[in-house]
Amino acid sequence: MRKLFAALLALLCLCQAHAGPAPYWRWESKVDGRLICAQVSPGEGWRRFNGPFNNARCRDHL
C-alpha cells in the first residue's frame, strides 16, 4: 500500500512539474476603453482585447 501511495505521489509531482505559467491578456474596459494587462479577467466590466502574451507588459505574443 505504501508503494502504491508513493507511486501516485511521484506521478502527481511529475505532472505538476510540466505546468507552465498562464498567458497574459490585454483587457479593455467596457466603460471607458482603458487597457490593462492581466492573466485573469478583472471583472464583468472588461472584455478580452488582445493576446495571449508571454509577459506582464503584454508585448511579446506566444
PDB file of N, CA and C in Angstrom:
ATOM      1  N   MET A   1       0.820  -1.190   0.000  1.00  0.00           N
ATOM      2  CA  MET A   1       0.000   0.000   0.000  1.00  0.00           C
ATOM      3  C   MET A   1       0.872   1.265   0.000  1.00  0.00           C
ATOM      4  N   ARG A   2       1.977   1.228   0.740  1.00  0.00           N
ATOM      5  CA  ARG A   2       2.864   2.384   0.780  1.00  0.00           C
ATOM      6  C   ARG A   2       3.513   2.633  -0.576  1.00  0.00           C
ATOM      7  N   LYS A   3       3.848   1.546  -1.275  1.00  0.00           N
ATOM      8  CA  LYS A   3       4.461   1.698  -2.593  1.00  0.00           C
ATOM      9  C   LYS A   3       3.479   2.328  -3.578  1.00  0.00           C
ATOM     10  N   LEU A   4       2.229   1.933  -3.498  1.00  0.00           N
ATOM     11  CA  LEU A   4       1.206   2.500  -4.374  1.00  0.00           C
ATOM     12  C   LEU A   4       1.041   3.995  -4.086  1.00  0.00           C
ATOM     13  N   PHE A   5       0.983   4.347  -2.817  1.00  0.00           N
ATOM     14  CA  PHE A   5       0.862   5.751  -2.430  1.00  0.00           C
ATOM     15  C   PHE A   5       2.066   6.558  -2.913  1.00  0.00           C
ATOM     16  N   ALA A   6       3.256   6.016  -2.746  1.00  0.00           N
ATOM     17  CA  ALA A   6       4.482   6.691  -3.188  1.00  0.00           C
ATOM     18  C   ALA A   6       4.490   6.862  -4.704  1.00  0.00           C
ATOM     19  N   ALA A   7       4.035   5.852  -5.428  1.00  0.00           N
ATOM     20  CA  ALA A   7       3.989   5.930  -6.889  1.00  0.00           C
ATOM     21  C   ALA A   7       2.985   6.990  -7.343  1.00  0.00           C
ATOM     22  N   LEU A   8       1.838   7.055  -6.708  1.00  0.00           N
ATOM     23  CA  LEU A   8       0.839   8.070  -7.059  1.00  0.00           C
ATOM     24  C   LEU A   8       1.337   9.474  -6.738  1.00  0.00           C
ATOM     25  N   LEU A   9       2.004   9.614  -5.618  1.00  0.00           N
ATOM     26  CA  LEU A   9       2.568  10.907  -5.240  1.00  0.00           C
ATOM     27  C   LEU A   9       3.642  11.348  -6.239  1.00  0.00           C
ATOM     28  N   ALA A  10       4.496  10.426  -6.654  1.00  0.00           N
ATOM     29  CA  ALA A  10       5.537  10.735  -7.638  1.00  0.00           C
ATOM     30  C   ALA A  10       4.913  11.133  -8.974  1.00  0.00           C
ATOM     31  N   LEU A  11       3.856  10.451  -9.386  1.00  0.00           N
ATOM     32  CA  LEU A  11       3.168  10.781 -10.639  1.00  0.00           C
ATOM     33  C   LEU A  11       2.552  12.167 -10.562  1.00  0.00           C
ATOM     34  N   LEU A  12       1.967  12.485  -9.430  1.00  0.00           N
ATOM     35  CA  LEU A  12       1.386  13.808  -9.250  1.00  0.00           C
ATOM     36  C   LEU A  12       2.456  14.888  -9.326  1.00  0.00           C
ATOM     37  N   CYS A  13       3.583  14.663  -8.720  1.00  0.00           N
ATOM     38  CA  CYS A  13       4.679  15.636  -8.759  1.00  0.00           C
ATOM     39  C   CYS A  13       5.197  15.824 -10.181  1.00  0.00           C
ATOM     40  N   LEU A  14       5.292  14.758 -10.944  1.00  0.00           N
ATOM     41  CA  LEU A  14       5.770  14.853 -12.327  1.00  0.00           C
ATOM     42  C   LEU A  14       4.807  15.649 -13.183  1.00  0.00           C
ATOM     43  N   CYS A  15       3.516  15.460 -12.955  1.00  0.00           N
ATOM     44  CA  CYS A  15       2.514  16.198 -13.736  1.00  0.00           C
ATOM     45  C   CYS A  15       2.594  17.689 -13.428  1.00  0.00           C
ATOM     46  N   GLN A  16       2.806  18.046 -12.197  1.00  0.00           N
ATOM     47  CA  GLN A  16       2.893  19.444 -11.810  1.00  0.00           C
ATOM     48  C   GLN A  16       4.163  20.098 -12.341  1.00  0.00           C
ATOM     49  N   ALA A  17       5.218  19.347 -12.495  1.00  0.00           N
ATOM     50  CA  ALA A  17       6.497  19.900 -12.933  1.00  0.00           C
ATOM     51  C   ALA A  17       6.445  20.386 -14.379  1.00  0.00           C
ATOM     52  N   HIS A  18       5.523  19.893 -15.179  1.00  0.00           N
ATOM     53  CA  HIS A  18       5.440  20.265 -16.587  1.00  0.00           C
ATOM     54  C   HIS A  18       4.471  21.408 -16.840  1.00  0.00           C
ATOM     55  N   ALA A  19       3.821  21.900 -15.808  1.00  0.00           N
ATOM     56  CA  ALA A  19       2.873  23.000 -15.976  1.00  0.00           C
ATOM     57  C   ALA A  19       3.628  24.295 -16.242  1.00  0.00           C
ATOM     58  N   GLY A  20       3.098  25.103 -17.133  1.00  0.00           N
ATOM     59  CA  GLY A  20       3.723  26.382 -17.448  1.00  0.00           C
ATOM     60  C   GLY A  20       2.907  27.527 -16.886  1.00  0.00           C
ATOM     61  N   PRO A  21       3.412  28.739 -16.994  1.00  0.00           N
ATOM     62  CA  PRO A  21       2.676  29.901 -16.495  1.00  0.00           C
ATOM     63  C   PRO A  21       1.469  30.199 -17.377  1.00  0.00           C
ATOM     64  N   ALA A  22       0.473  30.797 -16.782  1.00  0.00           N
ATOM     65  CA  ALA A  22      -0.724  31.183 -17.533  1.00  0.00           C
ATOM     66  C   ALA A  22      -0.380  32.345 -18.460  1.00  0.00           C
ATOM     67  N   PRO A  23      -0.993  32.414 -19.625  1.00  0.00           N
ATOM     68  CA  PRO A  23      -0.713  33.528 -20.531  1.00  0.00           C
ATOM     69  C   PRO A  23      -1.344  34.827 -20.026  1.00  0.00           C
ATOM     70  N   TYR A  24      -0.798  35.942 -20.461  1.00  0.00           N
ATOM     71  CA  TYR A  24      -1.349  37.263 -20.146  1.00  0.00           C
ATOM     72  C   TYR A  24      -2.235  37.706 -21.301  1.00  0.00           C
ATOM     73  N   TRP A  25      -3.235  38.498 -20.986  1.00  0.00           N
ATOM     74  CA  TRP A  25      -4.159  39.022 -21.982  1.00  0.00           C
ATOM     75  C   TRP A  25      -4.290  40.526 -21.786  1.00  0.00           C
ATOM     76  N   ARG A  26      -4.534  41.240 -22.864  1.00  0.00           N
ATOM     77  CA  ARG A  26      -4.843  42.663 -22.764  1.00  0.00           C
ATOM     78  C   ARG A  26      -6.364  42.761 -22.661  1.00  0.00           C
ATOM     79  N   TRP A  27      -6.822  43.452 -21.628  1.00  0.00           N
ATOM     80  CA  TRP A  27      -8.250  43.602 -21.344  1.00  0.00           C
ATOM     81  C   TRP A  27      -8.671  45.047 -21.580  1.00  0.00           C
ATOM     82  N   GLU A  28      -9.863  45.228 -22.161  1.00  0.00           N
ATOM     83  CA  GLU A  28     -10.390  46.562 -22.437  1.00  0.00           C
ATOM     84  C   GLU A  28     -11.622  46.805 -21.574  1.00  0.00           C
ATOM     85  N   SER A  29     -11.676  47.998 -20.960  1.00  0.00           N
ATOM     86  CA  SER A  29     -12.834  48.364 -20.150  1.00  0.00           C
ATOM     87  C   SER A  29     -14.021  48.638 -21.062  1.00  0.00           C
ATOM     88  N   LYS A  30     -15.184  48.107 -20.703  1.00  0.00           N
ATOM     89  CA  LYS A  30     -16.406  48.368 -21.471  1.00  0.00           C
ATOM     90  C   LYS A  30     -16.936  49.774 -21.194  1.00  0.00           C
ATOM     91  N   VAL A  31     -16.477  50.394 -20.112  1.00  0.00           N
ATOM     92  CA  VAL A  31     -16.964  51.719 -19.722  1.00  0.00           C
ATOM     93  C   VAL A  31     -16.201  52.841 -20.421  1.00  0.00           C
ATOM     94  N   ASP A  32     -14.860  52.831 -20.301  1.00  0.00           N
ATOM     95  CA  ASP A  32     -14.099  53.953 -20.844  1.00  0.00           C
ATOM     96  C   ASP A  32     -12.994  53.555 -21.823  1.00  0.00           C
ATOM     97  N   GLY A  33     -12.883  52.271 -22.156  1.00  0.00           N
ATOM     98  CA  GLY A  33     -11.916  51.829 -23.149  1.00  0.00           C
ATOM     99  C   GLY A  33     -10.491  51.695 -22.656  1.00  0.00           C
ATOM    100  N   ARG A  34     -10.246  51.860 -21.343  1.00  0.00           N
ATOM    101  CA  ARG A  34      -8.886  51.689 -20.809  1.00  0.00           C
ATOM    102  C   ARG A  34      -8.394  50.278 -21.068  1.00  0.00           C
ATOM    103  N   LEU A  35      -7.085  50.117 -21.235  1.00  0.00           N
ATOM    104  CA  LEU A  35      -6.477  48.817 -21.466  1.00  0.00           C
ATOM    105  C   LEU A  35      -5.572  48.463 -20.297  1.00  0.00           C
ATOM    106  N   ILE A  36      -5.660  47.208 -19.854  1.00  0.00           N
ATOM    107  CA  ILE A  36      -4.745  46.697 -18.833  1.00  0.00           C
ATOM    108  C   ILE A  36      -4.269  45.327 -19.273  1.00  0.00           C
ATOM    109  N   CYS A  37      -3.209  44.853 -18.651  1.00  0.00           N
ATOM    110  CA  CYS A  37      -2.647  43.541 -18.952  1.00  0.00           C
ATOM    111  C   CYS A  37      -2.783  42.672 -17.706  1.00  0.00           C
ATOM    112  N   ALA A  38      -3.412  41.489 -17.834  1.00  0.00           N
ATOM    113  CA  ALA A  38      -3.611  40.604 -16.683  1.00  0.00           C
ATOM    114  C   ALA A  38      -3.771  39.167 -17.170  1.00  0.00           C
ATOM    115  N   GLN A  39      -3.527  38.226 -16.249  1.00  0.00           N
ATOM    116  CA  GLN A  39      -3.688  36.812 -16.589  1.00  0.00           C
ATOM    117  C   GLN A  39      -5.137  36.361 -16.487  1.00  0.00           C
ATOM    118  N   VAL A  40      -5.910  37.010 -15.641  1.00  0.00           N
ATOM    119  CA  VAL A  40      -7.319  36.653 -15.453  1.00  0.00           C
ATOM    120  C   VAL A  40      -8.179  37.891 -15.655  1.00  0.00           C
ATOM    121  N   SER A  41      -9.450  37.686 -15.901  1.00  0.00           N
ATOM    122  CA  SER A  41     -10.364  38.792 -16.119  1.00  0.00           C
ATOM    123  C   SER A  41     -10.475  39.659 -14.873  1.00  0.00           C
ATOM    124  N   PRO A  42     -10.383  40.989 -15.026  1.00  0.00           N
ATOM    125  CA  PRO A  42     -10.523  41.872 -13.870  1.00  0.00           C
ATOM    126  C   PRO A  42     -11.971  42.019 -13.398  1.00  0.00           C
ATOM    127  N   GLY A  43     -12.920  41.496 -14.140  1.00  0.00           N
ATOM    128  CA  GLY A  43     -14.318  41.577 -13.720  1.00  0.00           C
ATOM    129  C   GLY A  43     -15.263  41.602 -14.911  1.00  0.00           C
ATOM    130  N   GLU A  44     -16.540  41.802 -14.611  1.00  0.00           N
ATOM    131  CA  GLU A  44     -17.559  41.764 -15.664  1.00  0.00           C
ATOM    132  C   GLU A  44     -17.501  42.959 -16.602  1.00  0.00           C
ATOM    133  N   GLY A  45     -16.942  44.077 -16.156  1.00  0.00           N
ATOM    134  CA  GLY A  45     -16.890  45.279 -16.980  1.00  0.00           C
ATOM    135  C   GLY A  45     -15.726  45.308 -17.952  1.00  0.00           C
ATOM    136  N   TRP A  46     -15.083  44.163 -18.159  1.00  0.00           N
ATOM    137  CA  TRP A  46     -13.922  44.093 -19.038  1.00  0.00           C
ATOM    138  C   TRP A  46     -14.110  42.991 -20.072  1.00  0.00           C
ATOM    139  N   ARG A  47     -13.526  43.184 -21.249  1.00  0.00           N
ATOM    140  CA  ARG A  47     -13.544  42.139 -22.283  1.00  0.00           C
ATOM    141  C   ARG A  47     -12.122  41.932 -22.788  1.00  0.00           C
ATOM    142  N   ARG A  48     -11.850  40.715 -23.225  1.00  0.00           N
ATOM    143  CA  ARG A  48     -10.523  40.372 -23.742  1.00  0.00           C
ATOM    144  C   ARG A  48     -10.314  41.128 -25.044  1.00  0.00           C
ATOM    145  N   PHE A  49      -9.220  41.872 -25.128  1.00  0.00           N
ATOM    146  CA  PHE A  49      -8.956  42.743 -26.264  1.00  0.00           C
ATOM    147  C   PHE A  49      -7.911  42.166 -27.208  1.00  0.00           C
ATOM    148  N   ASN A  50      -6.831  41.571 -26.633  1.00  0.00           N
ATOM    149  CA  ASN A  50      -5.735  41.092 -27.461  1.00  0.00           C
ATOM    150  C   ASN A  50      -4.920  40.074 -26.671  1.00  0.00           C
ATOM    151  N   GLY A  51      -4.229  39.192 -27.363  1.00  0.00           N
ATOM    152  CA  GLY A  51      -3.367  38.238 -26.683  1.00  0.00           C
ATOM    153  C   GLY A  51      -3.451  36.878 -27.337  1.00  0.00           C
ATOM    154  N   PRO A  52      -2.862  35.880 -26.766  1.00  0.00           N
ATOM    155  CA  PRO A  52      -2.146  35.838 -25.489  1.00  0.00           C
ATOM    156  C   PRO A  52      -0.710  36.352 -25.627  1.00  0.00           C
ATOM    157  N   PHE A  53      -0.170  36.797 -24.486  1.00  0.00           N
ATOM    158  CA  PHE A  53       1.195  37.293 -24.397  1.00  0.00           C
ATOM    159  C   PHE A  53       1.971  36.453 -23.393  1.00  0.00           C
ATOM    160  N   ASN A  54       3.289  36.521 -23.457  1.00  0.00           N
ATOM    161  CA  ASN A  54       4.109  35.716 -22.544  1.00  0.00           C
ATOM    162  C   ASN A  54       4.727  36.534 -21.411  1.00  0.00           C
ATOM    163  N   ASN A  55       4.321  37.816 -21.264  1.00  0.00           N
ATOM    164  CA  ASN A  55       4.863  38.622 -20.165  1.00  0.00           C
ATOM    165  C   ASN A  55       3.804  39.601 -19.668  1.00  0.00           C
ATOM    166  N   ALA A  56       4.062  40.210 -18.515  1.00  0.00           N
ATOM    167  CA  ALA A  56       3.089  41.085 -17.863  1.00  0.00           C
ATOM    168  C   ALA A  56       2.986  42.466 -18.501  1.00  0.00           C
ATOM    169  N   ARG A  57       3.819  42.759 -19.476  1.00  0.00           N
ATOM    170  CA  ARG A  57       3.719  44.035 -20.185  1.00  0.00           C
ATOM    171  C   ARG A  57       2.889  43.902 -21.459  1.00  0.00           C
ATOM    172  N   CYS A  58       2.438  42.693 -21.755  1.00  0.00           N
ATOM    173  CA  CYS A  58       1.625  42.419 -22.951  1.00  0.00           C
ATOM    174  C   CYS A  58       2.322  42.909 -24.221  1.00  0.00           C
ATOM    175  N   ARG A  59       3.586  42.499 -24.375  1.00  0.00           N
ATOM    176  CA  ARG A  59       4.362  42.922 -25.541  1.00  0.00           C
ATOM    177  C   ARG A  59       4.741  41.780 -26.461  1.00  0.00           C
ATOM    178  N   ASP A  60       5.085  40.611 -25.919  1.00  0.00           N
ATOM    179  CA  ASP A  60       5.555  39.506 -26.751  1.00  0.00           C
ATOM    180  C   ASP A  60       4.470  38.437 -26.857  1.00  0.00           C
ATOM    181  N   HIS A  61       3.981  38.201 -28.072  1.00  0.00           N
ATOM    182  CA  HIS A  61       2.961  37.179 -28.291  1.00  0.00           C
ATOM    183  C   HIS A  61       3.534  35.787 -28.088  1.00  0.00           C
ATOM    184  N   LEU A  62       2.667  34.891 -27.674  1.00  0.00           N
ATOM    185  CA  LEU A  62       3.073  33.480 -27.555  1.00  0.00           C
ATOM    186  C   LEU A  62       3.146  32.850 -28.925  1.00  0.00           C
TER     187      LEU A  62
END
